[in-house]
């Protein structure tokens, strides 16, 4: 098993529903499969504050979850769903940077 950081957003391009599924192309299959059964961290490129419902602003991590399975997307060739359990949003989004890198 391997840890992973999955990038998503409140209005995702893919068919993500972070507390249930993570939609991704085949190019990420090996990395996501390596994290199957393990915990991941959700990352969003822009989050203005610790308010989990706002968009824009600084990059931040906002939740953790566990990948329990991976299934093919029946409607989009070369795409998959990572099935998620144990979704746990953070009390506040954790910024990636303040006055320098945190991660």
PDB file of N, CA and C in Angstrom:
ATOM      1  N   UNK A   1       0.838  -1.180   0.000  1.00  0.00           N
ATOM      2  CA  UNK A   1       0.000   0.000   0.000  1.00  0.00           C
ATOM      3  C   UNK A   1       0.881   1.241   0.000  1.00  0.00           C
ATOM      4  N   UNK A   2       0.305   2.306  -0.517  1.00  0.00           N
ATOM      5  CA  UNK A   2       1.042   3.544  -0.666  1.00  0.00           C
ATOM      6  C   UNK A   2       0.127   4.717  -0.365  1.00  0.00           C
ATOM      7  N   UNK A   3       0.652   5.753   0.205  1.00  0.00           N
ATOM      8  CA  UNK A   3      -0.127   6.964   0.462  1.00  0.00           C
ATOM      9  C   UNK A   3      -0.260   7.743  -0.843  1.00  0.00           C
ATOM     10  N   UNK A   4      -1.319   8.564  -0.936  1.00  0.00           N
ATOM     11  CA  UNK A   4      -1.527   9.365  -2.141  1.00  0.00           C
ATOM     12  C   UNK A   4      -2.230  10.665  -1.781  1.00  0.00           C
ATOM     13  N   UNK A   5      -2.018  11.646  -2.619  1.00  0.00           N
ATOM     14  CA  UNK A   5      -2.736  12.913  -2.546  1.00  0.00           C
ATOM     15  C   UNK A   5      -3.569  13.003  -3.809  1.00  0.00           C
ATOM     16  N   UNK A   6      -4.888  13.140  -3.646  1.00  0.00           N
ATOM     17  CA  UNK A   6      -5.790  13.228  -4.788  1.00  0.00           C
ATOM     18  C   UNK A   6      -6.267  14.665  -4.932  1.00  0.00           C
ATOM     19  N   UNK A   7      -6.122  15.193  -6.140  1.00  0.00           N
ATOM     20  CA  UNK A   7      -6.514  16.581  -6.407  1.00  0.00           C
ATOM     21  C   UNK A   7      -7.946  16.619  -6.921  1.00  0.00           C
ATOM     22  N   UNK A   8      -8.748  17.478  -6.330  1.00  0.00           N
ATOM     23  CA  UNK A   8     -10.123  17.666  -6.763  1.00  0.00           C
ATOM     24  C   UNK A   8     -10.501  19.117  -6.508  1.00  0.00           C
ATOM     25  N   UNK A   9     -11.744  19.472  -6.761  1.00  0.00           N
ATOM     26  CA  UNK A   9     -12.240  20.812  -6.473  1.00  0.00           C
ATOM     27  C   UNK A   9     -13.734  20.752  -6.238  1.00  0.00           C
ATOM     28  N   UNK A  10     -14.299  21.822  -5.687  1.00  0.00           N
ATOM     29  CA  UNK A  10     -15.725  21.835  -5.379  1.00  0.00           C
ATOM     30  C   UNK A  10     -16.579  21.695  -6.631  1.00  0.00           C
ATOM     31  N   UNK A  11     -16.081  22.186  -7.759  1.00  0.00           N
ATOM     32  CA  UNK A  11     -16.782  22.068  -9.037  1.00  0.00           C
ATOM     33  C   UNK A  11     -15.868  21.295  -9.993  1.00  0.00           C
ATOM     34  N   UNK A  12     -15.731  19.969  -9.804  1.00  0.00           N
ATOM     35  CA  UNK A  12     -14.722  19.211 -10.551  1.00  0.00           C
ATOM     36  C   UNK A  12     -15.046  19.034 -12.029  1.00  0.00           C
ATOM     37  N   UNK A  13     -13.988  18.930 -12.825  1.00  0.00           N
ATOM     38  CA  UNK A  13     -14.098  18.610 -14.242  1.00  0.00           C
ATOM     39  C   UNK A  13     -14.514  17.152 -14.398  1.00  0.00           C
ATOM     40  N   UNK A  14     -13.961  16.290 -13.561  1.00  0.00           N
ATOM     41  CA  UNK A  14     -14.297  14.872 -13.580  1.00  0.00           C
ATOM     42  C   UNK A  14     -15.551  14.635 -12.735  1.00  0.00           C
ATOM     43  N   UNK A  15     -16.013  13.400 -12.727  1.00  0.00           N
ATOM     44  CA  UNK A  15     -17.222  13.014 -12.006  1.00  0.00           C
ATOM     45  C   UNK A  15     -16.884  12.647 -10.562  1.00  0.00           C
ATOM     46  N   UNK A  16     -16.213  13.550  -9.862  1.00  0.00           N
ATOM     47  CA  UNK A  16     -15.825  13.313  -8.474  1.00  0.00           C
ATOM     48  C   UNK A  16     -16.982  13.615  -7.522  1.00  0.00           C
ATOM     49  N   UNK A  17     -17.081  12.823  -6.503  1.00  0.00           N
ATOM     50  CA  UNK A  17     -17.909  13.079  -5.342  1.00  0.00           C
ATOM     51  C   UNK A  17     -17.020  12.622  -4.188  1.00  0.00           C
ATOM     52  N   UNK A  18     -16.177  13.536  -3.666  1.00  0.00           N
ATOM     53  CA  UNK A  18     -15.067  13.137  -2.801  1.00  0.00           C
ATOM     54  C   UNK A  18     -15.405  12.176  -1.665  1.00  0.00           C
ATOM     55  N   UNK A  19     -16.602  12.276  -1.107  1.00  0.00           N
ATOM     56  CA  UNK A  19     -16.935  11.378   0.004  1.00  0.00           C
ATOM     57  C   UNK A  19     -17.342   9.980  -0.459  1.00  0.00           C
ATOM     58  N   UNK A  20     -17.502   9.782  -1.795  1.00  0.00           N
ATOM     59  CA  UNK A  20     -17.902   8.478  -2.312  1.00  0.00           C
ATOM     60  C   UNK A  20     -17.011   7.929  -3.421  1.00  0.00           C
ATOM     61  N   UNK A  21     -16.545   8.803  -4.319  1.00  0.00           N
ATOM     62  CA  UNK A  21     -15.785   8.327  -5.474  1.00  0.00           C
ATOM     63  C   UNK A  21     -14.835   9.412  -5.983  1.00  0.00           C
ATOM     64  N   UNK A  22     -13.757   8.933  -6.599  1.00  0.00           N
ATOM     65  CA  UNK A  22     -12.779   9.819  -7.236  1.00  0.00           C
ATOM     66  C   UNK A  22     -12.620   9.338  -8.671  1.00  0.00           C
ATOM     67  N   UNK A  23     -12.924  10.182  -9.637  1.00  0.00           N
ATOM     68  CA  UNK A  23     -12.902   9.851 -11.055  1.00  0.00           C
ATOM     69  C   UNK A  23     -11.553  10.263 -11.639  1.00  0.00           C
ATOM     70  N   UNK A  24     -10.930   9.385 -12.426  1.00  0.00           N
ATOM     71  CA  UNK A  24      -9.591   9.705 -12.937  1.00  0.00           C
ATOM     72  C   UNK A  24      -9.318   8.960 -14.244  1.00  0.00           C
ATOM     73  N   UNK A  25      -8.378   9.481 -15.052  1.00  0.00           N
ATOM     74  CA  UNK A  25      -8.009   8.832 -16.316  1.00  0.00           C
ATOM     75  C   UNK A  25      -7.014   7.691 -16.088  1.00  0.00           C
ATOM     76  N   UNK A  26      -6.886   6.837 -17.097  1.00  0.00           N
ATOM     77  CA  UNK A  26      -5.978   5.684 -17.034  1.00  0.00           C
ATOM     78  C   UNK A  26      -4.537   6.084 -16.682  1.00  0.00           C
ATOM     79  N   UNK A  27      -4.118   7.275 -17.064  1.00  0.00           N
ATOM     80  CA  UNK A  27      -2.734   7.696 -16.797  1.00  0.00           C
ATOM     81  C   UNK A  27      -2.398   7.693 -15.305  1.00  0.00           C
ATOM     82  N   UNK A  28      -3.413   7.751 -14.443  1.00  0.00           N
ATOM     83  CA  UNK A  28      -3.183   7.747 -12.990  1.00  0.00           C
ATOM     84  C   UNK A  28      -3.487   6.400 -12.337  1.00  0.00           C
ATOM     85  N   UNK A  29      -3.855   5.411 -13.136  1.00  0.00           N
ATOM     86  CA  UNK A  29      -4.305   4.133 -12.579  1.00  0.00           C
ATOM     87  C   UNK A  29      -3.246   3.467 -11.698  1.00  0.00           C
ATOM     88  N   UNK A  30      -2.032   3.429 -12.128  1.00  0.00           N
ATOM     89  CA  UNK A  30      -0.987   2.750 -11.346  1.00  0.00           C
ATOM     90  C   UNK A  30      -0.799   3.388  -9.970  1.00  0.00           C
ATOM     91  N   UNK A  31      -0.782   4.730  -9.936  1.00  0.00           N
ATOM     92  CA  UNK A  31      -0.596   5.432  -8.672  1.00  0.00           C
ATOM     93  C   UNK A  31      -1.793   5.252  -7.738  1.00  0.00           C
ATOM     94  N   UNK A  32      -3.009   5.354  -8.297  1.00  0.00           N
ATOM     95  CA  UNK A  32      -4.204   5.192  -7.465  1.00  0.00           C
ATOM     96  C   UNK A  32      -4.318   3.751  -6.989  1.00  0.00           C
ATOM     97  N   UNK A  33      -4.012   2.792  -7.854  1.00  0.00           N
ATOM     98  CA  UNK A  33      -4.073   1.388  -7.464  1.00  0.00           C
ATOM     99  C   UNK A  33      -3.087   1.079  -6.336  1.00  0.00           C
ATOM    100  N   UNK A  34      -1.932   1.708  -6.346  1.00  0.00           N
ATOM    101  CA  UNK A  34      -0.944   1.489  -5.285  1.00  0.00           C
ATOM    102  C   UNK A  34      -1.468   1.955  -3.929  1.00  0.00           C
ATOM    103  N   UNK A  35      -2.418   2.893  -3.931  1.00  0.00           N
ATOM    104  CA  UNK A  35      -2.985   3.409  -2.683  1.00  0.00           C
ATOM    105  C   UNK A  35      -4.259   2.674  -2.264  1.00  0.00           C
ATOM    106  N   UNK A  36      -4.684   1.704  -3.030  1.00  0.00           N
ATOM    107  CA  UNK A  36      -5.905   0.953  -2.691  1.00  0.00           C
ATOM    108  C   UNK A  36      -5.767   0.338  -1.302  1.00  0.00           C
ATOM    109  N   UNK A  37      -6.781   0.531  -0.480  1.00  0.00           N
ATOM    110  CA  UNK A  37      -6.764   0.012   0.882  1.00  0.00           C
ATOM    111  C   UNK A  37      -6.093   0.931   1.876  1.00  0.00           C
ATOM    112  N   UNK A  38      -5.524   2.016   1.402  1.00  0.00           N
ATOM    113  CA  UNK A  38      -4.792   2.925   2.273  1.00  0.00           C
ATOM    114  C   UNK A  38      -5.467   4.299   2.304  1.00  0.00           C
ATOM    115  N   UNK A  39      -4.955   5.144   3.154  1.00  0.00           N
ATOM    116  CA  UNK A  39      -5.487   6.490   3.330  1.00  0.00           C
ATOM    117  C   UNK A  39      -4.916   7.443   2.296  1.00  0.00           C
ATOM    118  N   UNK A  40      -5.739   8.383   1.869  1.00  0.00           N
ATOM    119  CA  UNK A  40      -5.320   9.434   0.950  1.00  0.00           C
ATOM    120  C   UNK A  40      -5.663  10.781   1.588  1.00  0.00           C
ATOM    121  N   UNK A  41      -5.092  11.829   1.028  1.00  0.00           N
ATOM    122  CA  UNK A  41      -5.424  13.196   1.421  1.00  0.00           C
ATOM    123  C   UNK A  41      -5.979  13.882   0.185  1.00  0.00           C
ATOM    124  N   UNK A  42      -7.073  14.617   0.354  1.00  0.00           N
ATOM    125  CA  UNK A  42      -7.644  15.406  -0.738  1.00  0.00           C
ATOM    126  C   UNK A  42      -7.020  16.796  -0.737  1.00  0.00           C
ATOM    127  N   UNK A  43      -6.645  17.227  -1.925  1.00  0.00           N
ATOM    128  CA  UNK A  43      -5.981  18.512  -2.143  1.00  0.00           C
ATOM    129  C   UNK A  43      -6.793  19.303  -3.145  1.00  0.00           C
ATOM    130  N   UNK A  44      -6.932  20.590  -2.886  1.00  0.00           N
ATOM    131  CA  UNK A  44      -7.594  21.474  -3.839  1.00  0.00           C
ATOM    132  C   UNK A  44      -6.635  22.606  -4.175  1.00  0.00           C
ATOM    133  N   UNK A  45      -6.521  22.914  -5.463  1.00  0.00           N
ATOM    134  CA  UNK A  45      -5.545  23.908  -5.912  1.00  0.00           C
ATOM    135  C   UNK A  45      -5.813  25.309  -5.382  1.00  0.00           C
ATOM    136  N   UNK A  46      -7.061  25.658  -5.205  1.00  0.00           N
ATOM    137  CA  UNK A  46      -7.385  27.004  -4.745  1.00  0.00           C
ATOM    138  C   UNK A  46      -8.453  26.973  -3.662  1.00  0.00           C
ATOM    139  N   UNK A  47      -8.113  27.458  -2.488  1.00  0.00           N
ATOM    140  CA  UNK A  47      -9.069  27.560  -1.391  1.00  0.00           C
ATOM    141  C   UNK A  47      -8.724  28.844  -0.642  1.00  0.00           C
ATOM    142  N   UNK A  48      -9.659  29.804  -0.553  1.00  0.00           N
ATOM    143  CA  UNK A  48      -9.337  31.124  -0.041  1.00  0.00           C
ATOM    144  C   UNK A  48      -9.107  31.187   1.460  1.00  0.00           C
ATOM    145  N   UNK A  49      -9.664  30.251   2.203  1.00  0.00           N
ATOM    146  CA  UNK A  49      -9.558  30.304   3.655  1.00  0.00           C
ATOM    147  C   UNK A  49      -9.776  28.907   4.198  1.00  0.00           C
ATOM    148  N   UNK A  50      -9.938  28.826   5.490  1.00  0.00           N
ATOM    149  CA  UNK A  50     -10.210  27.523   6.088  1.00  0.00           C
ATOM    150  C   UNK A  50     -11.662  27.115   5.892  1.00  0.00           C
ATOM    151  N   UNK A  51     -12.491  28.004   5.332  1.00  0.00           N
ATOM    152  CA  UNK A  51     -13.898  27.682   5.071  1.00  0.00           C
ATOM    153  C   UNK A  51     -13.964  26.648   3.952  1.00  0.00           C
ATOM    154  N   UNK A  52     -14.432  25.449   4.250  1.00  0.00           N
ATOM    155  CA  UNK A  52     -14.438  24.357   3.287  1.00  0.00           C
ATOM    156  C   UNK A  52     -15.422  24.561   2.147  1.00  0.00           C
ATOM    157  N   UNK A  53     -16.325  25.527   2.250  1.00  0.00           N
ATOM    158  CA  UNK A  53     -17.330  25.727   1.216  1.00  0.00           C
ATOM    159  C   UNK A  53     -16.972  26.849   0.240  1.00  0.00           C
ATOM    160  N   UNK A  54     -15.840  27.493   0.388  1.00  0.00           N
ATOM    161  CA  UNK A  54     -15.443  28.575  -0.513  1.00  0.00           C
ATOM    162  C   UNK A  54     -14.451  28.077  -1.552  1.00  0.00           C
ATOM    163  N   UNK A  55     -14.402  28.771  -2.700  1.00  0.00           N
ATOM    164  CA  UNK A  55     -13.463  28.417  -3.763  1.00  0.00           C
ATOM    165  C   UNK A  55     -12.531  29.591  -4.037  1.00  0.00           C
ATOM    166  N   UNK A  56     -11.502  29.364  -4.857  1.00  0.00           N
ATOM    167  CA  UNK A  56     -10.521  30.398  -5.172  1.00  0.00           C
ATOM    168  C   UNK A  56      -9.429  30.422  -4.112  1.00  0.00           C
ATOM    169  N   UNK A  57      -8.442  31.316  -4.222  1.00  0.00           N
ATOM    170  CA  UNK A  57      -7.442  31.500  -3.175  1.00  0.00           C
ATOM    171  C   UNK A  57      -6.307  30.508  -3.190  1.00  0.00           C
ATOM    172  N   UNK A  58      -5.823  30.158  -1.988  1.00  0.00           N
ATOM    173  CA  UNK A  58      -4.614  29.343  -1.828  1.00  0.00           C
ATOM    174  C   UNK A  58      -4.869  27.842  -1.957  1.00  0.00           C
ATOM    175  N   UNK A  59      -3.845  27.095  -2.372  1.00  0.00           N
ATOM    176  CA  UNK A  59      -3.967  25.636  -2.387  1.00  0.00           C
ATOM    177  C   UNK A  59      -4.039  25.093  -0.960  1.00  0.00           C
ATOM    178  N   UNK A  60      -4.850  24.042  -0.753  1.00  0.00           N
ATOM    179  CA  UNK A  60      -5.016  23.498   0.591  1.00  0.00           C
ATOM    180  C   UNK A  60      -5.458  22.043   0.547  1.00  0.00           C
ATOM    181  N   UNK A  61      -5.155  21.327   1.624  1.00  0.00           N
ATOM    182  CA  UNK A  61      -5.681  19.982   1.840  1.00  0.00           C
ATOM    183  C   UNK A  61      -6.929  20.136   2.703  1.00  0.00           C
ATOM    184  N   UNK A  62      -7.987  19.364   2.388  1.00  0.00           N
ATOM    185  CA  UNK A  62      -9.246  19.607   3.099  1.00  0.00           C
ATOM    186  C   UNK A  62      -9.902  18.355   3.680  1.00  0.00           C
ATOM    187  N   UNK A  63      -9.402  17.160   3.375  1.00  0.00           N
ATOM    188  CA  UNK A  63     -10.013  15.946   3.916  1.00  0.00           C
ATOM    189  C   UNK A  63      -9.074  14.767   3.732  1.00  0.00           C
ATOM    190  N   UNK A  64      -9.397  13.683   4.419  1.00  0.00           N
ATOM    191  CA  UNK A  64      -8.718  12.414   4.233  1.00  0.00           C
ATOM    192  C   UNK A  64      -9.787  11.344   4.010  1.00  0.00           C
ATOM    193  N   UNK A  65      -9.416  10.235   3.411  1.00  0.00           N
ATOM    194  CA  UNK A  65     -10.350   9.151   3.125  1.00  0.00           C
ATOM    195  C   UNK A  65      -9.539   7.905   2.807  1.00  0.00           C
ATOM    196  N   UNK A  66     -10.236   6.807   2.568  1.00  0.00           N
ATOM    197  CA  UNK A  66      -9.578   5.545   2.249  1.00  0.00           C
ATOM    198  C   UNK A  66     -10.115   5.024   0.927  1.00  0.00           C
ATOM    199  N   UNK A  67      -9.215   4.598   0.039  1.00  0.00           N
ATOM    200  CA  UNK A  67      -9.604   3.980  -1.236  1.00  0.00           C
ATOM    201  C   UNK A  67      -9.863   2.501  -0.977  1.00  0.00           C
ATOM    202  N   UNK A  68     -11.090   2.044  -1.264  1.00  0.00           N
ATOM    203  CA  UNK A  68     -11.419   0.642  -0.999  1.00  0.00           C
ATOM    204  C   UNK A  68     -11.468  -0.216  -2.255  1.00  0.00           C
ATOM    205  N   UNK A  69     -11.682   0.412  -3.416  1.00  0.00           N
ATOM    206  CA  UNK A  69     -11.731  -0.359  -4.653  1.00  0.00           C
ATOM    207  C   UNK A  69     -11.577   0.585  -5.836  1.00  0.00           C
ATOM    208  N   UNK A  70     -11.317   0.014  -6.997  1.00  0.00           N
ATOM    209  CA  UNK A  70     -11.220   0.776  -8.248  1.00  0.00           C
ATOM    210  C   UNK A  70     -12.045   0.028  -9.279  1.00  0.00           C
ATOM    211  N   UNK A  71     -12.921   0.765  -9.966  1.00  0.00           N
ATOM    212  CA  UNK A  71     -13.765   0.154 -10.993  1.00  0.00           C
ATOM    213  C   UNK A  71     -13.676   0.979 -12.275  1.00  0.00           C
ATOM    214  N   UNK A  72     -13.864   0.345 -13.433  1.00  0.00           N
ATOM    215  CA  UNK A  72     -13.865   1.107 -14.689  1.00  0.00           C
ATOM    216  C   UNK A  72     -15.100   2.002 -14.779  1.00  0.00           C
ATOM    217  N   UNK A  73     -14.948   3.113 -15.465  1.00  0.00           N
ATOM    218  CA  UNK A  73     -16.081   3.994 -15.748  1.00  0.00           C
ATOM    219  C   UNK A  73     -16.833   3.377 -16.932  1.00  0.00           C
ATOM    220  N   UNK A  74     -18.091   2.958 -16.750  1.00  0.00           N
ATOM    221  CA  UNK A  74     -18.815   2.302 -17.834  1.00  0.00           C
ATOM    222  C   UNK A  74     -19.184   3.228 -18.985  1.00  0.00           C
ATOM    223  N   UNK A  75     -19.146   4.547 -18.754  1.00  0.00           N
ATOM    224  CA  UNK A  75     -19.571   5.481 -19.801  1.00  0.00           C
ATOM    225  C   UNK A  75     -18.422   6.235 -20.464  1.00  0.00           C
ATOM    226  N   UNK A  76     -17.216   6.110 -19.935  1.00  0.00           N
ATOM    227  CA  UNK A  76     -16.087   6.856 -20.486  1.00  0.00           C
ATOM    228  C   UNK A  76     -14.865   5.932 -20.570  1.00  0.00           C
ATOM    229  N   UNK A  77     -14.503   5.511 -21.781  1.00  0.00           N
ATOM    230  CA  UNK A  77     -13.348   4.606 -21.929  1.00  0.00           C
ATOM    231  C   UNK A  77     -12.067   5.223 -21.348  1.00  0.00           C
ATOM    232  N   UNK A  78     -11.226   4.374 -20.814  1.00  0.00           N
ATOM    233  CA  UNK A  78      -9.939   4.780 -20.249  1.00  0.00           C
ATOM    234  C   UNK A  78     -10.064   5.674 -19.021  1.00  0.00           C
ATOM    235  N   UNK A  79     -11.203   5.603 -18.323  1.00  0.00           N
ATOM    236  CA  UNK A  79     -11.386   6.312 -17.058  1.00  0.00           C
ATOM    237  C   UNK A  79     -11.870   5.329 -16.001  1.00  0.00           C
ATOM    238  N   UNK A  80     -11.611   5.679 -14.738  1.00  0.00           N
ATOM    239  CA  UNK A  80     -11.914   4.791 -13.617  1.00  0.00           C
ATOM    240  C   UNK A  80     -12.485   5.590 -12.455  1.00  0.00           C
ATOM    241  N   UNK A  81     -13.052   4.849 -11.509  1.00  0.00           N
ATOM    242  CA  UNK A  81     -13.501   5.416 -10.243  1.00  0.00           C
ATOM    243  C   UNK A  81     -12.757   4.718  -9.115  1.00  0.00           C
ATOM    244  N   UNK A  82     -12.189   5.504  -8.213  1.00  0.00           N
ATOM    245  CA  UNK A  82     -11.701   4.969  -6.950  1.00  0.00           C
ATOM    246  C   UNK A  82     -12.864   5.110  -5.981  1.00  0.00           C
ATOM    247  N   UNK A  83     -13.294   4.000  -5.402  1.00  0.00           N
ATOM    248  CA  UNK A  83     -14.404   4.035  -4.455  1.00  0.00           C
ATOM    249  C   UNK A  83     -13.854   4.375  -3.075  1.00  0.00           C
ATOM    250  N   UNK A  84     -14.516   5.303  -2.419  1.00  0.00           N
ATOM    251  CA  UNK A  84     -14.016   5.918  -1.189  1.00  0.00           C
ATOM    252  C   UNK A  84     -14.867   5.512   0.005  1.00  0.00           C
ATOM    253  N   UNK A  85     -14.214   5.275   1.134  1.00  0.00           N
ATOM    254  CA  UNK A  85     -14.883   5.086   2.422  1.00  0.00           C
ATOM    255  C   UNK A  85     -14.137   5.886   3.474  1.00  0.00           C
ATOM    256  N   UNK A  86     -14.739   6.031   4.615  1.00  0.00           N
ATOM    257  CA  UNK A  86     -14.122   6.696   5.765  1.00  0.00           C
ATOM    258  C   UNK A  86     -13.694   8.129   5.458  1.00  0.00           C
ATOM    259  N   UNK A  87     -14.495   8.835   4.643  1.00  0.00           N
ATOM    260  CA  UNK A  87     -14.217  10.231   4.313  1.00  0.00           C
ATOM    261  C   UNK A  87     -14.280  11.054   5.594  1.00  0.00           C
ATOM    262  N   UNK A  88     -13.244  11.844   5.837  1.00  0.00           N
ATOM    263  CA  UNK A  88     -13.181  12.664   7.037  1.00  0.00           C
ATOM    264  C   UNK A  88     -12.691  14.060   6.673  1.00  0.00           C
ATOM    265  N   UNK A  89     -13.618  15.043   6.586  1.00  0.00           N
ATOM    266  CA  UNK A  89     -13.188  16.409   6.284  1.00  0.00           C
ATOM    267  C   UNK A  89     -12.436  16.988   7.475  1.00  0.00           C
ATOM    268  N   UNK A  90     -11.442  17.798   7.197  1.00  0.00           N
ATOM    269  CA  UNK A  90     -10.706  18.475   8.258  1.00  0.00           C
ATOM    270  C   UNK A  90     -11.589  19.568   8.862  1.00  0.00           C
ATOM    271  N   UNK A  91     -11.350  19.929  10.094  1.00  0.00           N
ATOM    272  CA  UNK A  91     -12.082  21.029  10.720  1.00  0.00           C
ATOM    273  C   UNK A  91     -11.853  22.337   9.983  1.00  0.00           C
ATOM    274  N   UNK A  92     -10.639  22.505   9.459  1.00  0.00           N
ATOM    275  CA  UNK A  92     -10.259  23.670   8.666  1.00  0.00           C
ATOM    276  C   UNK A  92      -9.346  23.179   7.547  1.00  0.00           C
ATOM    277  N   UNK A  93      -9.456  23.799   6.381  1.00  0.00           N
ATOM    278  CA  UNK A  93      -8.536  23.468   5.289  1.00  0.00           C
ATOM    279  C   UNK A  93      -7.114  23.794   5.731  1.00  0.00           C
ATOM    280  N   UNK A  94      -6.170  22.960   5.329  1.00  0.00           N
ATOM    281  CA  UNK A  94      -4.764  23.139   5.704  1.00  0.00           C
ATOM    282  C   UNK A  94      -4.024  23.700   4.501  1.00  0.00           C
ATOM    283  N   UNK A  95      -3.578  24.968   4.585  1.00  0.00           N
ATOM    284  CA  UNK A  95      -2.889  25.565   3.426  1.00  0.00           C
ATOM    285  C   UNK A  95      -1.577  24.863   3.133  1.00  0.00           C
ATOM    286  N   UNK A  96      -1.248  24.766   1.856  1.00  0.00           N
ATOM    287  CA  UNK A  96       0.013  24.155   1.441  1.00  0.00           C
ATOM    288  C   UNK A  96       1.175  25.098   1.729  1.00  0.00           C
ATOM    289  N   UNK A  97       0.920  26.410   1.632  1.00  0.00           N
ATOM    290  CA  UNK A  97       1.958  27.400   1.887  1.00  0.00           C
ATOM    291  C   UNK A  97       1.425  28.514   2.766  1.00  0.00           C
ATOM    292  N   UNK A  98       2.277  29.068   3.587  1.00  0.00           N
ATOM    293  CA  UNK A  98       1.989  30.319   4.302  1.00  0.00           C
ATOM    294  C   UNK A  98       3.023  31.312   3.822  1.00  0.00           C
ATOM    295  N   UNK A  99       4.194  31.260   4.471  1.00  0.00           N
ATOM    296  CA  UNK A  99       5.309  32.126   4.057  1.00  0.00           C
ATOM    297  C   UNK A  99       6.425  31.280   3.481  1.00  0.00           C
ATOM    298  N   UNK A 100       6.045  30.122   2.992  1.00  0.00           N
ATOM    299  CA  UNK A 100       6.969  29.158   2.431  1.00  0.00           C
ATOM    300  C   UNK A 100       6.280  27.807   2.449  1.00  0.00           C
ATOM    301  N   UNK A 101       6.836  26.808   1.803  1.00  0.00           N
ATOM    302  CA  UNK A 101       6.180  25.500   1.716  1.00  0.00           C
ATOM    303  C   UNK A 101       5.974  24.865   3.095  1.00  0.00           C
ATOM    304  N   UNK A 102       4.794  24.305   3.313  1.00  0.00           N
ATOM    305  CA  UNK A 102       4.522  23.517   4.516  1.00  0.00           C
ATOM    306  C   UNK A 102       4.669  22.039   4.236  1.00  0.00           C
ATOM    307  N   UNK A 103       4.435  21.643   2.967  1.00  0.00           N
ATOM    308  CA  UNK A 103       4.549  20.228   2.609  1.00  0.00           C
ATOM    309  C   UNK A 103       5.724  20.013   1.709  1.00  0.00           C
TER     310      UNK A 103
END
